[in-house]
Amino acid sequence: MQFGSISIDDSPGAILAHAVRAGDRLLRKGHVVSPADAADLARAGHRSVMAARLDSGDIEENAAAARIAHACAGPGVRIGTAATGRSNLYATAHGVVLIAEQTVAALNAIHESMTLATLRPFAHVQPKEMLATVKIIPFAAPRAAVEAAEDLRAHGPAVRVAAFEPKSVALISTMLPNTSAALLDKSRGAVDARIAALGSKIVFERRVAHDVSAIASALREAIAAHTDPVLIFGASAITDRFDTIPTGIVAAGGRIEHFGMPVDPGNLLLLGRIDETIVIGLPGCARSPKLNGFDFVLERVLANIPAGRNEIVAMGVGGLLQEIRTRPQARDNQPAETRSRAIAAIVLAAGLSSRMGRNKLLVNVGGKPLVRRVVETALASGAGRVIVVTGNDAENVMASLSNLPIVFAHNPHFHAGLSTSLKAGVKALPEDVDGALILLGDMPAVTPTLINTLIGKFEPDEDRAICVPTYNGKQGNPVLWSRHFFPDILALEGDVGAKHLIAENDDVVCQVATSDEAPLVDIDTQQALDAYLERAE
């Protein structure tokens, strides 16, 4: 191809490199100059134009783009009409796009006039979604280069779509004594949504004890029901390939193919098989609708793409997902391990005390109002700032806390439920806090030592972004939250707390066992108050 300044007399047949005005006409870039165009350009005072003239060994840009696009497209791909040197490839099916990365690299290395850009490999795509684009750098490509690109087809298509195939899926959930039905329902809902979005359906469900024999029995039932894949949601996270769930798979006649994956969140995924049926032990993050490692495996399985050990260990590049809000970039240049964490405490004191019959926060406990006792506990801890959320009977609650170095945040919507108080407290936090401890104003047994223990365990960079006290395996309060969950708390609605967020993010939950029942003691009724006072004497 010849490129450069061409005299107007020689311009007919040349391709304009830039837009140029010929009198009242605008001849655009890529326009092929005709004899009439040349005359108009001369009358407009032009002596030359920047243009390209093709040689006999060149292929015009649209023809070249179309030929390369046809060479690249495989099953599930539609080729768009070439224009301005570009031809796009589109999905015709709902599925996973497969990219032959070596072929793409080889094509782009043939000649600088030819480019192929694609989506990332294994992206989830919808029909009509663009998968790739072929672009010829103006205004032609050498015939030999185009033919070399077409020869790459011998290695298989560069771009194809593996369509999702409807499958009958089984879900097994395990339970511990304190596992709530609400949590199991929420887990089922999260999996349902994922499966349905990919065109499959859960046709078999069992909720069984978290022990080897119960898991093995449920697995045998699922296999007999001809389901594939089988998903297992554990009441506690899998921590080893010899843990309860993998042992149950083996007891059912299966084998463990791989434990763990280099995708975060999603590290604790387990992959097994019983004969040819795929069994997946789900990481806790699968309860969240946000993208995680389980999606990477599930999409491949439902599109009949191999998803074994080799495929999983290759997922590390791109496996650090941008949606991991618990692992942010440092906000300053100070190493995380040397920077002290700024923690604030939010004391919820806005409730109606409907079960008590009077404002429980003002009852006398140990010589002072209950809410003052809780607030003084927070002030005696390592929390740097204490915020008290008021609502019902706000004036009297504030009066009971007089002379304390605290900040009040009034919740005018306290009648609408607990979520409104949580949001009022979070909105009142200073911007520089790393985490917030949520305390209930009716928990007199909580001590500064317990709060400081939670603060000491808190380290979001090491997967300890939610710190929860437990007694005899049962979770209680207060709970320390990383600031990266504040948007989730602000999105809550109705008379609900943030307990479900703990279940959805158990891969970053740190449970702190206590030697007494303080995390479980709240004063909701007169009987509860009497029982507490009797024990405290």
Protein backbone atom coordinates (compact mmCIF):
# COMPACT_ATOMS: atom_id res chain seq x y z
CA MET A 1 0.00 0.00 0.00
CA GLN A 2 1.25 3.45 -0.92
CA PHE A 3 0.49 6.22 1.57
CA GLY A 4 1.27 9.90 1.53
CA SER A 5 0.56 13.21 -0.17
CA ILE A 6 -0.99 12.71 -3.62
CA SER A 7 -1.56 15.51 -6.13
CA ILE A 8 -5.17 16.27 -7.04
CA ASP A 9 -4.50 15.24 -10.63
CA ASP A 10 -3.40 11.76 -9.44
CA SER A 11 -6.00 11.40 -6.69
CA PRO A 12 -8.86 9.54 -8.50
CA GLY A 13 -9.00 5.99 -7.11
CA ALA A 14 -7.10 6.92 -3.93
CA ILE A 15 -8.54 6.47 -0.42
CA LEU A 16 -8.67 9.61 1.71
CA ALA A 17 -6.68 9.38 4.93
CA HIS A 18 -8.47 12.36 6.48
CA ALA A 19 -11.72 14.20 5.96
CA VAL A 20 -11.45 17.09 3.52
CA ARG A 21 -13.95 19.73 2.34
CA ALA A 22 -14.53 20.24 -1.39
CA GLY A 23 -16.66 23.35 -1.60
CA ASP A 24 -19.94 22.60 0.17
CA ARG A 25 -19.20 18.86 0.29
CA LEU A 26 -17.36 16.99 3.05
CA LEU A 27 -15.40 13.99 1.81
CA ARG A 28 -14.85 11.73 4.78
CA LYS A 29 -11.90 9.60 5.77
CA GLY A 30 -11.95 6.33 3.80
CA HIS A 31 -13.77 7.89 0.84
CA VAL A 32 -12.50 6.72 -2.57
CA VAL A 33 -11.83 9.80 -4.67
CA SER A 34 -13.68 9.95 -8.01
CA PRO A 35 -12.80 12.18 -11.00
CA ALA A 36 -15.71 14.48 -10.00
CA ASP A 37 -14.36 14.65 -6.45
CA ALA A 38 -10.92 15.59 -7.80
CA ALA A 39 -12.44 18.41 -9.84
CA ASP A 40 -14.34 19.74 -6.83
CA LEU A 41 -11.20 19.56 -4.69
CA ALA A 42 -9.23 21.50 -7.31
CA ARG A 43 -11.93 24.19 -7.54
CA ALA A 44 -11.79 24.45 -3.71
CA GLY A 45 -8.10 25.27 -3.95
CA HIS A 46 -6.61 21.93 -2.92
CA ARG A 47 -3.39 20.96 -4.65
CA SER A 48 -2.95 17.59 -2.89
CA VAL A 49 -4.56 15.24 -0.35
CA MET A 50 -3.24 12.71 2.14
CA ALA A 51 -4.40 9.39 0.78
CA ALA A 52 -3.61 5.71 0.33
CA ARG A 53 -3.49 3.71 -2.87
CA LEU A 54 -3.75 -0.06 -2.73
CA ASP A 55 -1.26 -2.33 -4.44
CA SER A 56 -2.19 -5.52 -6.25
CA GLY A 57 -1.08 -7.52 -3.20
CA ASP A 58 -3.46 -5.70 -0.83
CA ILE A 59 -6.98 -6.60 0.29
CA GLU A 60 -9.33 -3.71 0.98
CA GLU A 61 -10.10 -3.23 4.71
CA ASN A 62 -13.72 -4.43 4.76
CA ALA A 63 -12.98 -7.51 2.67
CA ALA A 64 -9.94 -8.30 4.83
CA ALA A 65 -11.91 -7.86 8.08
CA ALA A 66 -14.71 -10.11 6.80
CA ARG A 67 -12.32 -12.88 5.78
CA ILE A 68 -10.47 -12.86 9.11
CA ALA A 69 -13.75 -12.78 11.06
CA HIS A 70 -14.97 -15.87 9.18
CA ALA A 71 -11.71 -17.61 9.98
CA CYS A 72 -12.06 -16.82 13.71
CA ALA A 73 -15.73 -17.63 14.31
CA GLY A 74 -16.79 -20.98 15.70
CA PRO A 75 -20.04 -22.50 16.99
CA GLY A 76 -22.38 -20.10 18.76
CA VAL A 77 -20.95 -17.07 16.96
CA ARG A 78 -22.52 -14.69 14.42
CA ILE A 79 -20.37 -12.51 12.16
CA GLY A 80 -21.39 -8.89 11.77
CA THR A 81 -21.23 -7.01 8.47
CA ALA A 82 -17.84 -5.46 7.90
CA ALA A 83 -17.72 -1.66 7.80
CA THR A 84 -14.92 0.89 8.22
CA GLY A 85 -12.46 -1.97 8.38
CA ARG A 86 -14.20 -3.65 11.31
CA SER A 87 -16.14 -6.90 11.67
CA ASN A 88 -17.63 -7.85 15.03
CA LEU A 89 -18.41 -11.32 16.35
CA TYR A 90 -21.59 -11.83 18.40
CA ALA A 91 -22.95 -14.65 20.57
CA THR A 92 -25.95 -16.59 19.30
CA ALA A 93 -26.35 -18.60 22.51
CA HIS A 94 -26.43 -18.08 26.28
CA GLY A 95 -23.27 -19.66 27.55
CA VAL A 96 -19.55 -19.32 28.12
CA VAL A 97 -17.20 -17.86 25.52
CA LEU A 98 -14.12 -19.94 24.76
CA ILE A 99 -11.09 -18.09 23.45
CA ALA A 100 -8.13 -19.84 21.83
CA GLU A 101 -5.57 -17.53 23.39
CA GLN A 102 -2.59 -18.84 21.42
CA THR A 103 -4.48 -18.41 18.17
CA VAL A 104 -5.42 -14.83 19.07
CA ALA A 105 -1.80 -14.02 19.92
CA ALA A 106 -0.53 -15.66 16.74
CA LEU A 107 -2.99 -13.73 14.57
CA ASN A 108 -2.11 -10.39 16.13
CA ALA A 109 1.57 -11.13 15.54
CA ILE A 110 1.20 -11.72 11.77
CA HIS A 111 1.05 -8.11 10.61
CA GLU A 112 0.44 -4.75 12.25
CA SER A 113 -2.48 -4.03 9.93
CA MET A 114 -4.61 -6.81 11.48
CA THR A 115 -5.97 -6.88 15.05
CA LEU A 116 -8.30 -9.20 16.93
CA ALA A 117 -9.61 -8.21 20.39
CA THR A 118 -11.82 -10.53 22.45
CA LEU A 119 -13.61 -10.80 25.76
CA ARG A 120 -11.73 -12.53 28.56
CA PRO A 121 -11.79 -16.34 28.27
CA PHE A 122 -14.76 -18.11 29.92
CA ALA A 123 -16.84 -14.95 30.20
CA HIS A 124 -20.57 -15.50 30.76
CA VAL A 125 -22.33 -14.18 27.65
CA GLN A 126 -25.86 -13.60 26.42
CA PRO A 127 -27.18 -13.86 22.84
CA LYS A 128 -26.30 -10.77 20.75
CA GLU A 129 -23.45 -9.84 23.11
CA MET A 130 -20.24 -8.83 21.34
CA LEU A 131 -17.50 -11.41 21.78
CA ALA A 132 -14.68 -10.04 19.65
CA THR A 133 -13.84 -7.48 17.01
CA VAL A 134 -11.57 -7.71 13.98
CA LYS A 135 -10.14 -4.34 12.98
CA ILE A 136 -7.95 -3.61 9.99
CA ILE A 137 -5.65 -0.66 10.56
CA PRO A 138 -6.60 1.57 7.58
CA PHE A 139 -6.91 0.96 4.78
CA ALA A 140 -5.95 -2.52 3.73
CA ALA A 141 -4.07 -5.63 4.76
CA PRO A 142 -1.52 -7.58 2.71
CA ARG A 143 -3.06 -10.57 0.99
CA ALA A 144 -0.34 -12.85 2.37
CA ALA A 145 -1.10 -11.70 5.93
CA VAL A 146 -4.83 -12.31 5.54
CA GLU A 147 -4.19 -15.77 4.15
CA ALA A 148 -1.83 -16.53 7.06
CA ALA A 149 -4.60 -15.55 9.48
CA GLU A 150 -7.02 -17.85 7.65
CA ASP A 151 -4.53 -20.72 7.91
CA LEU A 152 -4.77 -20.50 11.73
CA ARG A 153 -8.28 -21.94 11.43
CA ALA A 154 -6.62 -25.34 11.09
CA HIS A 155 -6.00 -25.19 14.87
CA GLY A 156 -9.69 -24.60 15.57
CA PRO A 157 -11.79 -21.44 15.86
CA ALA A 158 -10.40 -18.55 17.85
CA VAL A 159 -13.79 -17.69 19.34
CA ARG A 160 -16.74 -19.97 20.13
CA VAL A 161 -19.56 -20.19 22.65
CA ALA A 162 -20.37 -23.25 24.74
CA ALA A 163 -24.10 -22.99 25.42
CA PHE A 164 -25.54 -23.75 28.84
CA GLU A 165 -27.40 -27.04 28.91
CA PRO A 166 -30.43 -27.43 31.20
CA LYS A 167 -29.48 -29.78 34.03
CA SER A 168 -31.19 -31.33 37.02
CA VAL A 169 -29.27 -30.09 40.05
CA ALA A 170 -29.25 -31.44 43.61
CA LEU A 171 -28.68 -29.30 46.71
CA ILE A 172 -27.67 -30.83 50.04
CA SER A 173 -27.43 -28.52 53.07
CA THR A 174 -25.95 -29.64 56.36
CA MET A 175 -27.10 -28.45 59.78
CA LEU A 176 -25.59 -28.01 63.22
CA PRO A 177 -27.81 -27.70 66.32
CA ASN A 178 -27.84 -23.89 66.07
CA THR A 179 -28.36 -23.67 62.30
CA SER A 180 -31.50 -21.67 61.56
CA ALA A 181 -34.06 -22.57 58.93
CA ALA A 182 -33.88 -18.97 57.72
CA LEU A 183 -30.19 -19.38 56.88
CA LEU A 184 -30.89 -22.58 54.95
CA ASP A 185 -33.70 -20.87 53.08
CA LYS A 186 -31.43 -17.97 52.20
CA SER A 187 -28.71 -20.36 50.99
CA ARG A 188 -31.27 -22.18 48.86
CA GLY A 189 -32.47 -18.88 47.43
CA ALA A 190 -28.96 -17.79 46.45
CA VAL A 191 -28.24 -21.10 44.70
CA ASP A 192 -31.69 -21.12 43.07
CA ALA A 193 -31.02 -17.71 41.54
CA ARG A 194 -27.66 -18.78 40.13
CA ILE A 195 -28.95 -22.07 38.73
CA ALA A 196 -32.07 -20.54 37.18
CA ALA A 197 -30.07 -17.75 35.54
CA LEU A 198 -28.06 -20.42 33.72
CA GLY A 199 -31.11 -22.38 32.56
CA SER A 200 -31.01 -25.25 35.06
CA LYS A 201 -33.16 -26.18 38.05
CA ILE A 202 -32.81 -27.66 41.53
CA VAL A 203 -34.94 -30.81 41.47
CA PHE A 204 -33.63 -32.50 44.63
CA GLU A 205 -32.99 -31.01 48.06
CA ARG A 206 -32.04 -32.53 51.39
CA ARG A 207 -31.24 -30.86 54.72
CA VAL A 208 -29.25 -33.22 56.88
CA ALA A 209 -27.08 -33.29 59.98
CA HIS A 210 -23.49 -32.16 59.57
CA ASP A 211 -22.00 -35.63 59.89
CA VAL A 212 -20.41 -38.10 57.51
CA SER A 213 -23.12 -40.76 57.42
CA ALA A 214 -25.97 -38.29 56.85
CA ILE A 215 -24.06 -36.60 54.02
CA ALA A 216 -23.19 -39.92 52.41
CA SER A 217 -26.82 -41.07 52.58
CA ALA A 218 -28.08 -37.85 50.99
CA LEU A 219 -25.48 -38.13 48.24
CA ARG A 220 -26.59 -41.66 47.39
CA GLU A 221 -30.17 -40.43 47.14
CA ALA A 222 -29.12 -37.58 44.86
CA ILE A 223 -27.22 -39.96 42.57
CA ALA A 224 -30.21 -42.33 42.48
CA ALA A 225 -32.37 -39.35 41.43
CA HIS A 226 -30.08 -38.85 38.38
CA THR A 227 -29.04 -35.34 39.33
CA ASP A 228 -25.81 -33.75 38.14
CA PRO A 229 -24.16 -31.69 39.51
CA VAL A 230 -24.70 -32.18 43.25
CA LEU A 231 -24.04 -29.10 45.40
CA ILE A 232 -23.30 -29.28 49.13
CA PHE A 233 -23.70 -26.27 51.41
CA GLY A 234 -21.99 -26.96 54.72
CA ALA A 235 -23.12 -25.62 58.08
CA SER A 236 -19.44 -24.84 58.61
CA ALA A 237 -16.76 -24.11 56.05
CA ILE A 238 -14.65 -26.94 54.63
CA THR A 239 -11.13 -26.49 55.97
CA ASP A 240 -9.39 -29.66 54.79
CA ARG A 241 -9.88 -32.45 52.25
CA PHE A 242 -10.45 -34.77 55.21
CA ASP A 243 -13.13 -32.55 56.76
CA THR A 244 -16.72 -33.76 57.27
CA ILE A 245 -18.11 -33.00 53.79
CA PRO A 246 -15.24 -34.48 51.75
CA THR A 247 -15.22 -37.53 54.03
CA GLY A 248 -18.96 -37.89 53.35
CA ILE A 249 -18.30 -37.81 49.60
CA VAL A 250 -15.74 -40.58 49.93
CA ALA A 251 -18.08 -42.57 52.17
CA ALA A 252 -20.69 -42.39 49.39
CA GLY A 253 -18.23 -44.03 46.99
CA GLY A 254 -16.80 -40.84 45.55
CA ARG A 255 -13.38 -39.26 45.26
CA ILE A 256 -11.96 -35.82 45.93
CA GLU A 257 -10.49 -34.26 42.79
CA HIS A 258 -9.35 -30.95 44.26
CA PHE A 259 -9.74 -28.79 47.36
CA GLY A 260 -9.26 -25.05 47.27
CA MET A 261 -9.03 -22.67 44.34
CA PRO A 262 -6.91 -19.61 43.48
CA VAL A 263 -9.99 -17.38 43.24
CA ASP A 264 -10.85 -14.97 46.02
CA PRO A 265 -13.57 -14.98 47.26
CA GLY A 266 -14.10 -18.69 46.78
CA ASN A 267 -10.91 -20.25 48.15
CA LEU A 268 -12.66 -23.04 50.07
CA LEU A 269 -14.42 -24.73 47.15
CA LEU A 270 -14.22 -28.51 46.98
CA LEU A 271 -14.54 -30.55 43.79
CA GLY A 272 -15.36 -34.24 43.89
CA ARG A 273 -17.01 -36.96 41.80
CA ILE A 274 -19.13 -39.99 42.44
CA ASP A 275 -18.61 -42.06 39.30
CA GLU A 276 -19.20 -39.38 36.63
CA THR A 277 -21.43 -37.13 38.72
CA ILE A 278 -19.81 -33.87 39.75
CA VAL A 279 -20.06 -32.95 43.44
CA ILE A 280 -19.20 -29.41 44.53
CA GLY A 281 -18.67 -28.41 48.15
CA LEU A 282 -19.64 -24.74 48.19
CA PRO A 283 -17.63 -21.95 49.79
CA GLY A 284 -19.53 -19.66 52.14
CA CYS A 285 -19.40 -16.80 49.64
CA ALA A 286 -21.81 -18.75 47.44
CA ARG A 287 -24.56 -17.37 49.70
CA SER A 288 -23.82 -13.94 48.27
CA PRO A 289 -25.16 -12.93 44.84
CA LYS A 290 -21.83 -11.32 44.01
CA LEU A 291 -19.34 -12.91 41.64
CA ASN A 292 -17.09 -15.49 43.32
CA GLY A 293 -15.14 -18.64 42.53
CA PHE A 294 -18.23 -20.87 42.62
CA ASP A 295 -19.56 -19.00 39.58
CA PHE A 296 -16.38 -19.84 37.64
CA VAL A 297 -16.88 -23.57 38.24
CA LEU A 298 -20.69 -23.68 37.99
CA GLU A 299 -20.78 -21.93 34.63
CA ARG A 300 -18.28 -24.36 33.15
CA VAL A 301 -20.08 -27.37 34.53
CA LEU A 302 -23.46 -26.25 33.15
CA ALA A 303 -21.86 -25.49 29.77
CA ASN A 304 -20.21 -28.94 29.66
CA ILE A 305 -16.73 -27.43 29.74
CA PRO A 306 -14.07 -29.36 31.68
CA ALA A 307 -13.78 -28.08 35.26
CA GLY A 308 -11.35 -30.44 36.95
CA ARG A 309 -8.20 -29.91 38.95
CA ASN A 310 -6.16 -28.63 36.00
CA GLU A 311 -8.79 -26.07 35.08
CA ILE A 312 -9.23 -24.86 38.65
CA VAL A 313 -5.53 -24.36 39.36
CA ALA A 314 -5.30 -22.29 36.17
CA MET A 315 -7.87 -19.77 37.46
CA GLY A 316 -5.38 -17.76 39.49
CA VAL A 317 -4.71 -15.15 36.81
CA GLY A 318 -7.75 -12.91 37.13
CA GLY A 319 -8.84 -14.78 40.24
CA LEU A 320 -8.51 -11.78 42.56
CA LEU A 321 -11.96 -10.39 41.96
CA GLN A 322 -12.57 -6.67 42.06
CA GLU A 323 -15.65 -7.16 44.22
CA ILE A 324 -13.60 -8.21 47.25
CA ARG A 325 -14.31 -5.12 49.32
CA THR A 326 -12.67 -6.63 52.38
CA ARG A 327 -9.21 -6.40 50.82
CA PRO A 328 -8.81 -2.80 49.70
CA GLN A 329 -5.71 -0.93 48.72
CA ALA A 330 -4.04 0.73 51.70
CA ARG A 331 -5.30 4.27 52.21
CA ASP A 332 -1.80 5.53 52.97
CA ASN A 333 1.76 4.33 52.57
CA GLN A 334 1.94 2.84 56.04
CA PRO A 335 2.11 -0.99 56.03
CA ALA A 336 -1.17 -2.52 57.22
CA GLU A 337 0.53 -4.52 59.94
CA THR A 338 1.92 -1.39 61.58
CA ARG A 339 -1.18 0.80 61.24
CA SER A 340 -3.54 0.65 64.22
CA ARG A 341 -7.18 0.06 63.35
CA ALA A 342 -9.60 2.89 64.11
CA ILE A 343 -12.71 1.36 65.68
CA ALA A 344 -15.92 3.11 66.64
CA ALA A 345 -18.79 1.73 68.70
CA ILE A 346 -22.47 2.16 67.81
CA VAL A 347 -24.91 1.58 70.69
CA LEU A 348 -28.48 0.96 69.49
CA ALA A 349 -30.87 2.65 71.94
CA ALA A 350 -33.88 3.53 69.79
CA GLY A 351 -36.24 0.57 70.27
CA LEU A 352 -39.83 0.51 71.51
CA SER A 353 -39.29 -2.04 74.33
CA SER A 354 -42.69 -3.47 73.40
CA ARG A 355 -42.11 -6.78 75.21
CA MET A 356 -41.05 -5.03 78.40
CA GLY A 357 -44.03 -2.72 78.73
CA ARG A 358 -41.78 0.22 79.61
CA ASN A 359 -38.49 1.60 78.34
CA LYS A 360 -36.12 -1.19 79.32
CA LEU A 361 -33.06 0.95 78.64
CA LEU A 362 -33.91 3.11 81.64
CA VAL A 363 -34.40 0.30 84.18
CA ASN A 364 -31.94 0.20 87.07
CA VAL A 365 -29.18 -2.37 86.68
CA GLY A 366 -26.39 -2.24 89.24
CA GLY A 367 -27.32 1.27 90.35
CA LYS A 368 -27.54 2.92 86.94
CA PRO A 369 -29.80 2.85 83.86
CA LEU A 370 -29.22 -0.19 81.68
CA VAL A 371 -28.26 1.88 78.62
CA ARG A 372 -25.72 3.91 80.63
CA ARG A 373 -24.13 0.69 81.82
CA VAL A 374 -23.71 -0.47 78.18
CA VAL A 375 -22.40 2.90 76.99
CA GLU A 376 -19.87 3.12 79.82
CA THR A 377 -18.67 -0.36 78.87
CA ALA A 378 -18.07 0.84 75.32
CA LEU A 379 -16.24 3.94 76.59
CA ALA A 380 -13.98 1.78 78.77
CA SER A 381 -12.96 -0.32 75.77
CA GLY A 382 -10.55 0.34 72.92
CA ALA A 383 -13.26 1.86 70.74
CA GLY A 384 -12.15 5.34 69.83
CA ARG A 385 -15.59 6.91 69.50
CA VAL A 386 -19.00 5.94 70.84
CA ILE A 387 -22.18 6.81 68.94
CA VAL A 388 -25.58 6.27 70.58
CA VAL A 389 -28.58 5.92 68.28
CA THR A 390 -31.76 7.29 69.87
CA GLY A 391 -35.37 7.08 68.78
CA ASN A 392 -38.12 6.08 71.19
CA ASP A 393 -38.16 8.20 74.38
CA ALA A 394 -35.06 9.98 73.10
CA GLU A 395 -35.04 12.81 75.67
CA ASN A 396 -35.01 10.47 78.64
CA VAL A 397 -32.42 8.19 77.05
CA MET A 398 -30.15 11.18 76.40
CA ALA A 399 -30.70 12.46 79.93
CA SER A 400 -29.62 9.07 81.33
CA LEU A 401 -26.33 9.46 79.46
CA SER A 402 -25.54 13.01 80.54
CA ASN A 403 -21.91 14.05 80.98
CA LEU A 404 -20.57 11.12 78.90
CA PRO A 405 -18.19 11.84 75.98
CA ILE A 406 -20.43 10.38 73.29
CA VAL A 407 -22.11 11.40 70.03
CA PHE A 408 -25.86 11.07 69.56
CA ALA A 409 -27.48 10.07 66.26
CA HIS A 410 -31.26 10.38 66.30
CA ASN A 411 -33.32 7.94 64.23
CA PRO A 412 -36.70 9.54 63.40
CA HIS A 413 -37.79 6.32 61.64
CA PHE A 414 -37.29 3.98 64.61
CA HIS A 415 -40.87 2.69 64.29
CA ALA A 416 -39.87 1.10 60.94
CA GLY A 417 -37.54 -1.39 62.62
CA LEU A 418 -33.99 -2.29 63.53
CA SER A 419 -32.48 -1.61 60.11
CA THR A 420 -33.25 2.10 60.40
CA SER A 421 -31.22 2.38 63.61
CA LEU A 422 -28.32 0.48 62.11
CA LYS A 423 -28.29 2.85 59.15
CA ALA A 424 -28.52 5.93 61.36
CA GLY A 425 -25.49 4.74 63.33
CA VAL A 426 -23.41 3.93 60.26
CA LYS A 427 -24.22 7.30 58.68
CA ALA A 428 -22.91 9.02 61.81
CA LEU A 429 -19.51 7.31 61.67
CA PRO A 430 -16.44 9.37 60.85
CA GLU A 431 -14.89 8.66 57.47
CA ASP A 432 -11.57 7.47 58.89
CA VAL A 433 -12.86 4.45 60.86
CA ASP A 434 -11.76 0.98 59.81
CA GLY A 435 -14.60 -0.79 61.57
CA ALA A 436 -17.67 -0.37 63.73
CA LEU A 437 -18.74 -2.40 66.74
CA ILE A 438 -22.53 -2.73 66.93
CA LEU A 439 -23.75 -3.02 70.53
CA LEU A 440 -27.32 -3.51 71.67
CA GLY A 441 -28.35 -1.15 74.44
CA ASP A 442 -29.96 -3.95 76.45
CA MET A 443 -26.93 -6.24 76.96
CA PRO A 444 -25.55 -5.55 80.45
CA ALA A 445 -23.20 -8.55 80.64
CA VAL A 446 -20.90 -7.35 77.84
CA THR A 447 -17.55 -6.23 79.23
CA PRO A 448 -14.71 -4.02 77.98
CA THR A 449 -12.56 -7.16 77.90
CA LEU A 450 -14.91 -8.86 75.45
CA ILE A 451 -14.98 -5.77 73.23
CA ASN A 452 -11.18 -5.48 73.30
CA THR A 453 -10.84 -9.16 72.43
CA LEU A 454 -12.99 -8.61 69.33
CA ILE A 455 -10.94 -5.56 68.38
CA GLY A 456 -7.71 -7.52 68.86
CA LYS A 457 -8.90 -10.25 66.49
CA PHE A 458 -10.04 -7.76 63.84
CA GLU A 459 -7.82 -7.76 60.73
CA PRO A 460 -9.62 -7.43 57.36
CA ASP A 461 -6.43 -8.04 55.38
CA GLU A 462 -6.22 -11.51 56.95
CA ASP A 463 -9.85 -12.56 56.40
CA ARG A 464 -11.01 -11.33 59.82
CA ALA A 465 -13.36 -8.61 58.61
CA ILE A 466 -16.36 -9.57 60.79
CA CYS A 467 -15.66 -10.54 64.40
CA VAL A 468 -18.48 -12.36 66.21
CA PRO A 469 -18.49 -13.57 69.83
CA THR A 470 -19.84 -17.08 70.46
CA TYR A 471 -20.85 -19.08 73.49
CA ASN A 472 -21.17 -22.87 73.20
CA GLY A 473 -21.10 -22.49 69.42
CA LYS A 474 -23.95 -19.95 69.26
CA GLN A 475 -23.26 -16.53 67.80
CA GLY A 476 -24.12 -13.44 69.79
CA ASN A 477 -23.39 -9.72 70.14
CA PRO A 478 -21.69 -7.30 69.86
CA VAL A 479 -20.37 -7.75 66.31
CA LEU A 480 -17.41 -5.86 64.86
CA TRP A 481 -17.79 -4.99 61.15
CA SER A 482 -15.20 -3.82 58.66
CA ARG A 483 -16.14 -0.57 56.96
CA HIS A 484 -16.33 -2.47 53.69
CA PHE A 485 -19.70 -3.85 54.83
CA PHE A 486 -21.17 -0.42 55.58
CA PRO A 487 -22.81 -0.19 52.12
CA ASP A 488 -24.52 -3.54 52.78
CA ILE A 489 -25.80 -2.30 56.14
CA LEU A 490 -27.05 0.91 54.56
CA ALA A 491 -29.02 -1.18 52.06
CA LEU A 492 -30.99 -3.01 54.78
CA GLU A 493 -34.76 -2.53 54.96
CA GLY A 494 -37.40 -3.32 57.58
CA ASP A 495 -37.18 -4.78 61.06
CA VAL A 496 -34.07 -6.85 60.39
CA GLY A 497 -30.50 -6.73 61.55
CA ALA A 498 -27.32 -7.66 59.71
CA LYS A 499 -27.18 -11.31 60.81
CA HIS A 500 -27.67 -12.63 57.28
CA LEU A 501 -24.58 -10.72 56.15
CA ILE A 502 -22.53 -12.84 58.55
CA ALA A 503 -23.79 -16.03 56.89
CA GLU A 504 -23.22 -14.65 53.40
CA ASN A 505 -19.62 -13.70 54.15
CA ASP A 506 -18.46 -16.47 56.46
CA ASP A 507 -15.14 -16.73 54.61
CA VAL A 508 -14.14 -13.47 56.36
CA VAL A 509 -15.86 -14.14 59.70
CA CYS A 510 -13.75 -14.61 62.83
CA GLN A 511 -15.64 -16.36 65.62
CA VAL A 512 -14.38 -15.44 69.10
CA ALA A 513 -15.35 -18.05 71.71
CA THR A 514 -16.20 -16.76 75.17
CA SER A 515 -16.19 -18.55 78.53
CA ASP A 516 -19.49 -17.08 79.66
CA GLU A 517 -22.88 -16.34 78.12
CA ALA A 518 -22.47 -12.55 77.99
CA PRO A 519 -22.85 -12.40 74.16
CA LEU A 520 -26.29 -14.05 74.46
CA VAL A 521 -27.74 -12.08 77.38
CA ASP A 522 -30.20 -9.36 76.43
CA ILE A 523 -33.03 -7.89 78.46
CA ASP A 524 -36.28 -8.10 76.49
CA THR A 525 -38.76 -8.93 79.27
CA GLN A 526 -39.20 -8.42 82.99
CA GLN A 527 -38.49 -12.13 83.48
CA ALA A 528 -35.16 -11.76 81.64
CA LEU A 529 -34.29 -8.78 83.81
CA ASP A 530 -35.15 -10.61 87.01
CA ALA A 531 -33.11 -13.64 85.92
CA TYR A 532 -30.11 -11.47 85.11
CA LEU A 533 -30.26 -9.56 88.38
CA GLU A 534 -30.53 -12.83 90.30
CA ARG A 535 -27.42 -14.24 88.60
CA ALA A 536 -25.51 -11.00 89.06
CA GLU A 537 -26.03 -10.93 92.82
